[in-house]
N, C-alpha and C. Protein backbone atom coordinates (compact mmCIF):
# COMPACT_ATOMS: atom_id res chain seq x y z
N MET A 1 103.18 126.77 101.67
CA MET A 1 102.98 125.64 102.59
C MET A 1 104.08 124.62 102.42
N TYR A 2 104.45 124.30 101.20
CA TYR A 2 105.47 123.35 100.93
C TYR A 2 106.57 124.02 100.19
N MET A 3 107.74 124.19 100.82
CA MET A 3 108.79 124.96 100.23
C MET A 3 109.71 124.14 99.42
N LYS A 4 110.02 124.65 98.22
CA LYS A 4 110.97 123.99 97.34
C LYS A 4 112.40 124.06 97.92
N GLY A 5 112.71 125.04 98.69
CA GLY A 5 113.99 125.19 99.24
C GLY A 5 114.30 124.33 100.47
N ALA A 6 113.30 123.61 100.97
CA ALA A 6 113.53 122.77 102.14
C ALA A 6 114.54 121.63 101.83
N ASP A 7 115.32 121.23 102.81
CA ASP A 7 116.30 120.18 102.59
C ASP A 7 115.62 118.84 102.27
N ALA A 8 116.16 118.14 101.28
CA ALA A 8 115.66 116.82 100.91
C ALA A 8 116.06 115.81 101.98
N VAL A 9 115.14 114.92 102.26
CA VAL A 9 115.39 113.85 103.27
C VAL A 9 115.76 112.54 102.61
N ALA A 10 115.45 112.35 101.34
CA ALA A 10 115.73 111.17 100.57
C ALA A 10 115.65 111.48 99.10
N GLU A 11 116.11 110.56 98.31
CA GLU A 11 116.12 110.75 96.84
C GLU A 11 115.68 109.46 96.16
N LEU A 12 114.80 109.58 95.19
CA LEU A 12 114.41 108.39 94.42
C LEU A 12 115.33 108.19 93.28
N GLY A 13 115.82 106.97 93.20
CA GLY A 13 116.65 106.58 92.08
C GLY A 13 115.77 106.16 90.90
N ASN A 14 116.37 105.93 89.78
CA ASN A 14 115.62 105.48 88.61
C ASN A 14 114.88 104.16 88.94
N ASN A 15 113.66 104.07 88.55
CA ASN A 15 112.79 102.89 88.75
C ASN A 15 112.56 102.57 90.23
N GLU A 16 112.69 103.55 91.08
CA GLU A 16 112.28 103.39 92.53
C GLU A 16 111.01 104.11 92.83
N GLY A 17 110.33 103.70 93.87
CA GLY A 17 109.14 104.34 94.25
C GLY A 17 109.01 104.46 95.75
N VAL A 18 108.03 105.23 96.19
CA VAL A 18 107.78 105.34 97.63
C VAL A 18 106.30 105.06 97.85
N TYR A 19 106.03 104.22 98.87
CA TYR A 19 104.70 103.84 99.29
C TYR A 19 104.46 104.43 100.67
N VAL A 20 103.31 105.03 100.82
CA VAL A 20 102.91 105.54 102.18
C VAL A 20 101.79 104.66 102.67
N ASP A 21 102.00 103.99 103.76
CA ASP A 21 101.00 103.07 104.36
C ASP A 21 99.91 103.93 105.01
N ARG A 22 98.68 103.74 104.56
CA ARG A 22 97.58 104.56 105.04
C ARG A 22 97.25 104.30 106.53
N SER A 23 97.53 103.12 107.06
CA SER A 23 97.18 102.83 108.43
C SER A 23 98.27 103.27 109.39
N THR A 24 99.54 103.23 108.98
CA THR A 24 100.66 103.61 109.87
C THR A 24 101.29 104.94 109.49
N PHE A 25 101.09 105.38 108.26
CA PHE A 25 101.70 106.56 107.67
C PHE A 25 103.20 106.45 107.56
N LYS A 26 103.74 105.22 107.60
CA LYS A 26 105.18 105.01 107.41
C LYS A 26 105.47 104.98 105.89
N LEU A 27 106.65 105.41 105.56
CA LEU A 27 107.10 105.45 104.18
C LEU A 27 107.96 104.20 103.87
N HIS A 28 107.75 103.60 102.73
CA HIS A 28 108.50 102.40 102.32
C HIS A 28 109.01 102.70 100.89
N MET A 29 110.30 102.56 100.73
CA MET A 29 110.88 102.74 99.39
C MET A 29 111.19 101.43 98.80
N GLY A 30 111.03 101.32 97.47
CA GLY A 30 111.34 100.05 96.85
C GLY A 30 111.34 100.15 95.35
N LYS A 31 111.49 99.00 94.68
CA LYS A 31 111.53 98.89 93.23
C LYS A 31 110.45 97.96 92.73
N PRO A 32 109.97 98.12 91.51
CA PRO A 32 108.94 97.20 91.01
C PRO A 32 109.58 95.80 90.81
N LYS A 33 108.76 94.79 90.98
CA LYS A 33 109.24 93.39 90.82
C LYS A 33 109.38 93.06 89.33
N GLY A 34 108.64 93.68 88.49
CA GLY A 34 108.68 93.40 87.06
C GLY A 34 109.25 94.58 86.32
N ASP A 35 108.92 94.60 84.99
CA ASP A 35 109.30 95.70 84.13
C ASP A 35 108.63 96.99 84.54
N PRO A 36 109.35 98.07 84.81
CA PRO A 36 108.75 99.31 85.24
C PRO A 36 107.71 99.85 84.25
N ALA A 37 107.96 99.75 82.95
CA ALA A 37 107.03 100.27 81.97
C ALA A 37 105.71 99.50 82.00
N SER A 38 105.75 98.22 82.19
CA SER A 38 104.51 97.46 82.24
C SER A 38 103.78 97.70 83.58
N GLU A 39 104.49 97.97 84.64
CA GLU A 39 103.88 98.28 85.93
C GLU A 39 103.23 99.64 85.85
N ILE A 40 103.76 100.57 85.16
CA ILE A 40 103.13 101.87 85.00
C ILE A 40 101.77 101.71 84.28
N THR A 41 101.78 100.92 83.21
CA THR A 41 100.54 100.66 82.45
C THR A 41 99.50 99.91 83.29
N ARG A 42 99.99 98.88 83.97
CA ARG A 42 99.12 98.03 84.79
C ARG A 42 98.44 98.81 85.86
N MET A 43 99.16 99.69 86.51
CA MET A 43 98.60 100.42 87.63
C MET A 43 97.83 101.69 87.21
N GLY A 44 97.95 102.05 85.94
CA GLY A 44 97.26 103.23 85.47
C GLY A 44 97.91 104.51 85.91
N ALA A 45 99.21 104.47 86.12
CA ALA A 45 99.92 105.64 86.59
C ALA A 45 99.92 106.77 85.59
N LYS A 46 99.98 107.99 86.03
CA LYS A 46 99.98 109.15 85.16
C LYS A 46 101.30 109.95 85.51
N GLU A 47 101.88 110.54 84.47
CA GLU A 47 103.10 111.34 84.69
C GLU A 47 102.76 112.61 85.42
N VAL A 48 103.63 112.99 86.32
CA VAL A 48 103.46 114.23 87.14
C VAL A 48 104.05 115.36 86.32
N SER A 49 103.35 116.50 86.27
CA SER A 49 103.85 117.59 85.46
C SER A 49 104.93 118.40 86.16
N GLN A 50 104.80 118.71 87.42
CA GLN A 50 105.80 119.56 88.12
C GLN A 50 106.45 118.83 89.29
N GLY A 51 105.61 118.20 90.11
CA GLY A 51 106.05 117.57 91.29
C GLY A 51 104.81 116.98 92.03
N ALA A 52 105.07 116.06 92.94
CA ALA A 52 103.96 115.43 93.64
C ALA A 52 104.17 115.78 95.19
N ILE A 53 103.07 116.20 95.76
CA ILE A 53 103.03 116.49 97.18
C ILE A 53 102.07 115.50 97.77
N ILE A 54 102.56 114.70 98.76
CA ILE A 54 101.69 113.80 99.50
C ILE A 54 101.65 114.33 100.93
N PHE A 55 100.43 114.51 101.43
CA PHE A 55 100.33 115.03 102.78
C PHE A 55 99.25 114.32 103.54
N ARG A 56 99.37 114.41 104.86
CA ARG A 56 98.43 113.76 105.79
C ARG A 56 97.66 114.85 106.50
N SER A 57 96.36 114.65 106.60
CA SER A 57 95.49 115.59 107.37
C SER A 57 94.33 114.83 107.95
N ASP A 58 94.19 114.98 109.23
CA ASP A 58 93.07 114.26 109.95
C ASP A 58 93.01 112.79 109.69
N GLY A 59 94.18 112.13 109.65
CA GLY A 59 94.20 110.65 109.47
C GLY A 59 93.97 110.21 108.03
N LYS A 60 93.98 111.13 107.05
CA LYS A 60 93.80 110.77 105.66
C LYS A 60 95.03 111.23 104.87
N LEU A 61 95.27 110.51 103.73
CA LEU A 61 96.38 110.84 102.84
C LEU A 61 95.80 111.52 101.60
N TYR A 62 96.54 112.53 101.10
CA TYR A 62 96.19 113.27 99.88
C TYR A 62 97.43 113.38 99.02
N ILE A 63 97.19 113.37 97.73
CA ILE A 63 98.30 113.60 96.76
C ILE A 63 97.88 114.70 95.77
N VAL A 64 98.84 115.54 95.48
CA VAL A 64 98.58 116.67 94.56
C VAL A 64 99.69 116.75 93.55
N ASP A 65 99.36 116.94 92.29
CA ASP A 65 100.32 117.20 91.25
C ASP A 65 100.46 118.74 91.24
N ALA A 66 101.55 119.20 91.79
CA ALA A 66 101.68 120.66 92.00
C ALA A 66 103.11 121.14 91.95
N LYS A 67 103.28 122.37 91.66
CA LYS A 67 104.60 123.01 91.76
C LYS A 67 104.71 123.69 93.11
N PRO A 68 105.76 123.27 93.89
CA PRO A 68 105.91 123.88 95.22
C PRO A 68 106.16 125.38 95.12
N SER A 69 105.75 126.14 96.15
CA SER A 69 106.00 127.55 96.19
C SER A 69 107.50 127.80 96.33
N GLU A 70 107.95 128.88 95.83
CA GLU A 70 109.41 129.19 95.75
C GLU A 70 109.77 130.02 96.97
């Protein structure tokens, strides 16, 4: 369903993130306003093991920690 070989449309730099707006489904890239390490702790973020897939289905957003098919 999600191919690793597909062309990349953007790249995250160090300490950058992407936000998906649930109401408009628009993507917003940015950087934390404070120290990235403290933001990770504050938000309860977990390290992704292989990759993250965010997808939209029937007006809802889903995120999966998964390895894309080859």
